Protein backbone atom coordinates (compact mmCIF):
# COMPACT_ATOMS: atom_id res chain seq x y z
CA UNK A 1 177.12 -174.29 -61.01
CA UNK A 2 173.23 -174.19 -61.01
CA UNK A 3 171.64 -175.38 -57.94
CA UNK A 4 169.92 -178.44 -59.98
CA UNK A 5 173.42 -179.77 -60.90
CA UNK A 6 174.53 -179.42 -57.25
CA UNK A 7 171.30 -181.19 -55.95
CA UNK A 8 172.10 -184.05 -58.36
CA UNK A 9 175.77 -184.16 -57.40
CA UNK A 10 174.85 -184.26 -53.72
CA UNK A 11 172.50 -187.07 -54.36
CA UNK A 12 175.11 -189.03 -55.96
CA UNK A 13 177.79 -188.30 -53.41
CA UNK A 14 175.18 -189.45 -50.69
CA UNK A 15 174.53 -192.66 -52.33
CA UNK A 16 178.37 -193.63 -52.70
CA UNK A 17 178.88 -192.51 -49.23
CA UNK A 18 176.06 -194.31 -47.49
CA UNK A 19 176.49 -197.51 -49.54
CA UNK A 20 180.21 -197.51 -48.85
CA UNK A 21 181.06 -197.28 -52.50
CA UNK A 22 178.87 -200.37 -53.38
CA UNK A 23 176.78 -197.97 -55.86
CA UNK A 24 178.26 -195.26 -57.60
CA UNK A 25 176.31 -192.74 -59.57
CA UNK A 26 178.03 -190.58 -62.11
CA UNK A 27 176.12 -187.30 -62.91
CA UNK A 28 176.33 -185.31 -66.18
CA UNK A 29 175.04 -181.86 -66.76
CA UNK A 30 171.99 -181.41 -69.12
CA UNK A 31 172.95 -181.98 -72.62
CA UNK A 32 176.20 -183.74 -72.05
CA UNK A 33 175.01 -187.15 -73.01
CA UNK A 34 171.61 -186.57 -74.70
CA UNK A 35 169.43 -183.49 -75.34
CA UNK A 36 167.54 -182.00 -72.49
CA UNK A 37 164.24 -182.93 -74.00
CA UNK A 38 165.40 -186.72 -74.78
CA UNK A 39 166.33 -187.92 -71.31
CA UNK A 40 163.13 -189.71 -70.64
CA UNK A 41 163.23 -191.77 -73.89
CA UNK A 42 166.94 -192.38 -73.39
CA UNK A 43 166.28 -193.54 -69.82
CA UNK A 44 163.43 -196.01 -70.82
CA UNK A 45 165.63 -197.31 -73.55
CA UNK A 46 168.45 -197.97 -71.25
CA UNK A 47 170.82 -195.47 -72.89
CA UNK A 48 170.84 -193.66 -69.53
CA UNK A 49 170.29 -195.38 -66.17
CA UNK A 50 168.34 -192.33 -64.87
CA UNK A 51 167.46 -188.81 -65.51
CA UNK A 52 166.79 -185.62 -63.32
CA UNK A 53 164.52 -183.08 -64.72
CA UNK A 54 161.38 -181.06 -64.67
CA UNK A 55 158.55 -183.26 -65.74
CA UNK A 56 156.54 -180.72 -67.59
CA UNK A 57 158.58 -181.18 -70.59
CA UNK A 58 156.66 -184.33 -71.28
CA UNK A 59 153.37 -182.44 -71.84
CA UNK A 60 153.18 -184.01 -75.45
CA UNK A 61 153.64 -187.61 -74.36
CA UNK A 62 152.20 -187.51 -70.95
CA UNK A 63 149.36 -184.86 -70.63
CA UNK A 64 149.40 -184.96 -66.74
CA UNK A 65 153.20 -184.27 -66.54
CA UNK A 66 153.03 -180.42 -65.67
CA UNK A 67 150.79 -181.19 -62.79
CA UNK A 68 153.55 -183.08 -61.14
CA UNK A 69 156.01 -180.21 -61.83
CA UNK A 70 153.87 -177.72 -60.13
CA UNK A 71 151.60 -176.21 -62.89
CA UNK A 72 148.33 -176.54 -60.81
CA UNK A 73 145.24 -174.19 -60.92
CA UNK A 74 145.73 -173.94 -57.05
CA UNK A 75 147.79 -171.52 -54.92
CA UNK A 76 149.59 -174.15 -52.76
CA UNK A 77 152.51 -173.31 -50.39
CA UNK A 78 155.63 -175.46 -50.62
CA UNK A 79 154.93 -177.59 -47.51
CA UNK A 80 151.30 -178.40 -48.59
CA UNK A 81 152.54 -179.38 -52.17
CA UNK A 82 155.30 -181.54 -50.72
CA UNK A 83 152.64 -183.26 -48.48
CA UNK A 84 150.34 -184.22 -51.31
CA UNK A 85 153.39 -185.24 -53.31
CA UNK A 86 154.58 -187.84 -50.69
CA UNK A 87 151.18 -188.98 -49.69
CA UNK A 88 149.81 -189.50 -53.39
CA UNK A 89 151.69 -187.71 -56.01
CA UNK A 90 154.86 -189.88 -56.50
CA UNK A 91 152.76 -193.22 -56.86
CA UNK A 92 150.50 -191.41 -59.57
CA UNK A 93 153.65 -189.92 -61.18
CA UNK A 94 155.24 -193.38 -61.64
CA UNK A 95 151.89 -194.63 -62.80
CA UNK A 96 151.76 -192.06 -65.62
CA UNK A 97 155.15 -193.12 -67.00
CA UNK A 98 154.14 -196.91 -66.90
CA UNK A 99 150.72 -196.24 -68.43
CA UNK A 100 152.53 -194.32 -71.26
CA UNK A 101 154.70 -197.26 -72.01
CA UNK A 102 157.92 -196.18 -70.60
CA UNK A 103 160.31 -198.65 -68.96
CA UNK A 104 160.69 -196.63 -65.80
CA UNK A 105 161.11 -198.78 -62.51
CA UNK A 106 161.07 -195.89 -60.00
CA UNK A 107 160.22 -192.34 -59.65
CA UNK A 108 161.91 -190.32 -56.83
CA UNK A 109 161.21 -186.72 -55.84
CA UNK A 110 164.55 -185.12 -56.08
CA UNK A 111 164.03 -181.47 -55.39
CA UNK A 112 161.56 -178.75 -54.50
CA UNK A 113 161.95 -175.01 -54.50
CA UNK A 114 161.66 -173.47 -50.96
CA UNK A 115 160.10 -170.40 -52.52
CA UNK A 116 158.44 -169.17 -55.73
CA UNK A 117 159.67 -168.67 -59.16
CA UNK A 118 160.10 -165.36 -60.65
CA UNK A 119 156.91 -164.58 -62.75
CA UNK A 120 158.89 -163.30 -65.78
CA UNK A 121 161.73 -161.23 -67.08
CA UNK A 122 160.91 -158.53 -69.58
CA UNK A 123 162.07 -155.57 -71.41
CA UNK A 124 158.86 -153.57 -70.70
CA UNK A 125 156.75 -153.23 -67.47
CA UNK A 126 154.19 -156.20 -67.26
CA UNK A 127 151.40 -155.31 -64.80
CA UNK A 128 148.09 -155.42 -66.49
CA UNK A 129 146.07 -157.76 -68.80
CA UNK A 130 146.57 -155.28 -71.71
CA UNK A 131 150.49 -155.51 -71.21
CA UNK A 132 150.47 -159.25 -72.37
CA UNK A 133 149.21 -158.64 -75.65
CA UNK A 134 151.82 -159.03 -78.34
CA UNK A 135 154.50 -160.32 -76.01
CA UNK A 136 156.82 -162.83 -77.47
CA UNK A 137 157.80 -165.00 -74.45
CA UNK A 138 159.41 -168.42 -73.49
CA UNK A 139 156.90 -170.47 -71.42
CA UNK A 140 156.69 -174.12 -70.74
CA UNK A 141 153.91 -176.56 -69.54
CA UNK A 142 150.06 -175.65 -69.65
CA UNK A 143 150.86 -172.04 -68.69
CA UNK A 144 152.01 -171.71 -72.32
CA UNK A 145 148.31 -172.14 -73.20
CA UNK A 146 147.31 -169.43 -70.88
CA UNK A 147 149.71 -167.02 -72.20
CA UNK A 148 148.55 -167.77 -75.64
CA UNK A 149 144.91 -167.04 -74.69
CA UNK A 150 146.13 -163.65 -73.32
CA UNK A 151 147.51 -162.63 -76.59
CA UNK A 152 151.20 -163.63 -76.24
CA UNK A 153 153.42 -165.53 -78.83
CA UNK A 154 154.80 -168.44 -76.90
CA UNK A 155 157.96 -170.65 -77.48
CA UNK A 156 159.35 -173.35 -75.35
CA UNK A 157 163.14 -173.55 -75.01
CA UNK A 158 165.58 -175.66 -72.91
CA UNK A 159 167.48 -173.70 -70.46
CA UNK A 160 170.83 -173.38 -72.43
CA UNK A 161 168.84 -171.57 -75.40
CA UNK A 162 167.09 -169.03 -73.21
CA UNK A 163 169.81 -166.42 -72.37
CA UNK A 164 170.94 -166.36 -76.13
CA UNK A 165 167.44 -166.04 -77.44
CA UNK A 166 166.87 -163.05 -75.06
CA UNK A 167 170.18 -161.53 -75.97
CA UNK A 168 169.47 -161.83 -79.82
CA UNK A 169 165.98 -160.41 -79.30
CA UNK A 170 164.45 -163.55 -80.71
CA UNK A 171 162.06 -163.50 -77.73
CA UNK A 172 160.99 -160.29 -75.69
CA UNK A 173 160.60 -162.22 -72.29
CA UNK A 174 160.94 -165.37 -70.40
CA UNK A 175 159.76 -167.21 -67.37
CA UNK A 176 162.41 -169.49 -65.95
CA UNK A 177 163.03 -170.13 -62.30
CA UNK A 178 163.59 -168.93 -58.74
CA UNK A 179 165.38 -165.51 -58.10
CA UNK A 180 168.80 -167.00 -57.15
CA UNK A 181 168.79 -169.36 -60.41
CA UNK A 182 167.63 -166.45 -62.56
CA UNK A 183 170.61 -164.37 -61.20
CA UNK A 184 172.96 -167.29 -62.07
CA UNK A 185 171.45 -167.30 -65.53
CA UNK A 186 172.61 -163.62 -65.82
CA UNK A 187 169.10 -162.24 -66.69
CA UNK A 188 169.75 -159.15 -64.72
CA UNK A 189 172.64 -158.26 -67.08
CA UNK A 190 170.43 -158.01 -70.42
CA UNK A 191 166.79 -157.42 -68.96
CA UNK A 192 165.27 -154.27 -67.36
CA UNK A 193 162.39 -155.85 -65.43
CA UNK A 194 161.59 -158.81 -63.37
CA UNK A 195 158.00 -159.49 -62.32
CA UNK A 196 157.89 -161.24 -58.89
CA UNK A 197 154.20 -161.94 -58.26
CA UNK A 198 154.36 -165.42 -56.67
CA UNK A 199 151.76 -167.61 -58.29
CA UNK A 200 152.52 -169.06 -61.63
CA UNK A 201 154.94 -171.63 -60.31
CA UNK A 202 155.17 -171.28 -56.44
CA UNK A 203 156.41 -174.85 -55.84
CA UNK A 204 158.13 -176.29 -58.58
CA UNK A 205 159.27 -180.08 -58.25
CA UNK A 206 161.76 -182.31 -60.05
CA UNK A 207 161.99 -186.02 -60.55
CA UNK A 208 164.62 -188.68 -61.00
CA UNK A 209 163.32 -191.41 -63.00
CA UNK A 210 165.31 -194.81 -63.06
CA UNK A 211 165.26 -197.32 -65.76
CA UNK A 212 163.39 -200.38 -64.75
CA UNK A 213 165.96 -202.94 -65.43
CA UNK A 214 168.54 -200.84 -63.54
CA UNK A 215 166.36 -200.40 -60.60
CA UNK A 216 165.37 -204.09 -60.44
CA UNK A 217 169.08 -204.98 -60.46
CA UNK A 218 169.62 -203.10 -57.07
CA UNK A 219 169.53 -205.02 -53.79
CA UNK A 220 166.59 -203.98 -51.50
CA UNK A 221 169.12 -202.17 -49.11
CA UNK A 222 170.64 -200.15 -52.08
CA UNK A 223 167.09 -199.13 -53.20
CA UNK A 224 166.48 -197.78 -49.72
CA UNK A 225 169.70 -195.92 -49.83
CA UNK A 226 168.84 -194.34 -53.17
CA UNK A 227 165.35 -193.36 -51.80
CA UNK A 228 167.04 -191.83 -48.67
CA UNK A 229 169.56 -189.89 -50.67
CA UNK A 230 166.81 -188.42 -52.88
CA UNK A 231 164.89 -187.21 -49.83
CA UNK A 232 167.98 -185.71 -48.57
CA UNK A 233 168.42 -183.98 -51.88
CA UNK A 234 164.85 -182.77 -51.85
CA UNK A 235 165.29 -181.30 -48.40
CA UNK A 236 168.64 -179.73 -49.36
CA UNK A 237 167.17 -178.05 -52.39
CA UNK A 238 164.15 -176.70 -50.60
CA UNK A 239 166.25 -174.99 -47.75
CA UNK A 240 169.28 -174.17 -49.82
CA UNK A 241 167.14 -172.51 -52.57
CA UNK A 242 165.29 -170.38 -50.14
CA UNK A 243 168.47 -169.31 -48.30
CA UNK A 244 169.83 -168.15 -51.70
CA UNK A 245 166.62 -166.53 -52.85
CA UNK A 246 166.26 -164.17 -49.72
CA UNK A 247 168.98 -161.83 -50.61
CA UNK A 248 168.73 -162.00 -54.33
CA UNK A 249 165.72 -159.51 -54.90
CA UNK A 250 167.97 -156.90 -53.30
CA UNK A 251 170.83 -157.90 -55.72
CA UNK A 252 168.48 -157.47 -58.61
CA UNK A 253 167.63 -153.95 -57.66
CA UNK A 254 171.47 -153.13 -57.03
CA UNK A 255 172.03 -154.34 -60.61
CA UNK A 256 169.53 -151.79 -62.02
CA UNK A 257 166.65 -154.17 -62.47
CA UNK A 258 163.17 -152.79 -61.55
CA UNK A 259 161.11 -155.26 -59.58
CA UNK A 260 157.41 -154.98 -60.25
CA UNK A 261 154.09 -156.84 -59.47
CA UNK A 262 151.07 -157.76 -61.33
CA UNK A 263 147.72 -155.97 -60.82
CA UNK A 264 145.44 -158.21 -58.67
CA UNK A 265 143.10 -159.20 -61.46
CA UNK A 266 145.93 -160.69 -63.69
CA UNK A 267 146.47 -163.92 -61.39
CA UNK A 268 142.70 -164.28 -61.08
CA UNK A 269 142.27 -164.33 -64.95
CA UNK A 270 145.23 -166.49 -65.33
CA UNK A 271 144.10 -169.14 -62.70
CA UNK A 272 140.64 -169.01 -64.50
CA UNK A 273 142.25 -169.64 -67.88
CA UNK A 274 144.34 -172.59 -66.55
CA UNK A 275 141.35 -174.17 -65.13
CA UNK A 276 139.84 -173.86 -68.63
CA UNK A 277 142.84 -175.52 -70.26
CA UNK A 278 142.72 -178.46 -67.66
CA UNK A 279 138.95 -178.80 -68.49
CA UNK A 280 139.88 -179.57 -72.07
CA UNK A 281 142.80 -181.86 -71.22
CA UNK A 282 140.89 -183.87 -68.78
CA UNK A 283 137.93 -184.42 -71.19
CA UNK A 284 140.43 -186.02 -73.58
CA UNK A 285 142.84 -187.76 -70.90
CA UNK A 286 141.06 -189.42 -68.05
CA UNK A 287 144.34 -190.01 -66.18
CA UNK A 288 144.91 -186.26 -65.98
CA UNK A 289 141.45 -185.94 -64.53
CA UNK A 290 142.47 -188.51 -61.83
CA UNK A 291 145.46 -186.66 -61.00
CA UNK A 292 143.62 -183.39 -60.76
CA UNK A 293 141.04 -184.78 -58.66
CA UNK A 294 143.44 -186.02 -56.22
CA UNK A 295 145.13 -182.50 -56.07
CA UNK A 296 141.74 -180.81 -55.89
CA UNK A 297 140.67 -183.07 -52.86
CA UNK A 298 143.83 -182.33 -50.96
CA UNK A 299 143.78 -178.71 -51.68
CA UNK A 300 140.25 -178.30 -50.43
CA UNK A 301 140.84 -180.27 -47.28
CA UNK A 302 144.10 -178.29 -46.77
CA UNK A 303 142.42 -174.88 -47.26
CA UNK A 304 139.68 -175.72 -44.83
CA UNK A 305 142.48 -176.78 -42.17
CA UNK A 306 144.53 -173.65 -43.07
CA UNK A 307 141.59 -171.29 -42.67
CA UNK A 308 141.23 -172.43 -39.10
CA UNK A 309 144.89 -172.54 -38.16
CA UNK A 310 146.08 -169.50 -40.15
CA UNK A 311 142.90 -167.04 -39.94
CA UNK A 312 145.21 -164.00 -40.55
CA UNK A 313 148.84 -163.38 -41.65
CA UNK A 314 151.32 -162.50 -38.88
CA UNK A 315 153.78 -159.85 -39.66
CA UNK A 316 156.09 -158.52 -36.99
CA UNK A 317 157.08 -154.89 -37.80
């Protein structure tokens, strides 16, 4: 079972346990009730009480949504990103849905990866800027625009369609998730290379959005229980995902996959392109600008702090 589903089931179990059975949440796997890209609309309409997903899928409806999922033009680490999220991010996240007309009563952070995602899985080495030209790749969020600018053909597919598309040769490459999840997807069985340079999405975050009527129907103590269970689920995913990831790169090598890294100029150019994408988006959508300003201010403050507290990397050999 993919760790996202395990996170949701842990959350549901915690709510039932702590509430003494007064509130029971029945989780379903993605696609079981509605399509993966339909859960926000279904929750807003009351067809579902809640959803759990990565928010960047709503890029066409809420332009700021990929920012909340971790598609930012800054190299945060997980703890710093989590700090911004609890300090300011969640309130802005909820405001985004309300401003867009969605009947969402509460947005809970329900999961963050403890380590970075793999950059991409490919059939050919991907190291230089030139290597990107002509690549047919699955990418989501605003990084999709960056890959297009670099000469790629880009498609966005839900998780259940990624492996078959790679197997059939419909796409040449994909970005997807962290190493242990990519292993569970089986990419090592059909792909020759994994690019691991950690910057494209080093701190992916996931939300549980709850229908407003369903949320308002809960008593104050049940709301507190739901919030506490979501916090527990977030901490569990952060630590459990890192625990699983640590041995997985070695497993890739043992499976015959070649692990490669990008040349240093590639992330520099890709961050430049991502900032240019956000310049265009914020010019058209002031709310995205508001979110990006909040992230930027926190990042600059955090970097000033980190430069003094961590002036050099410590490695014990």
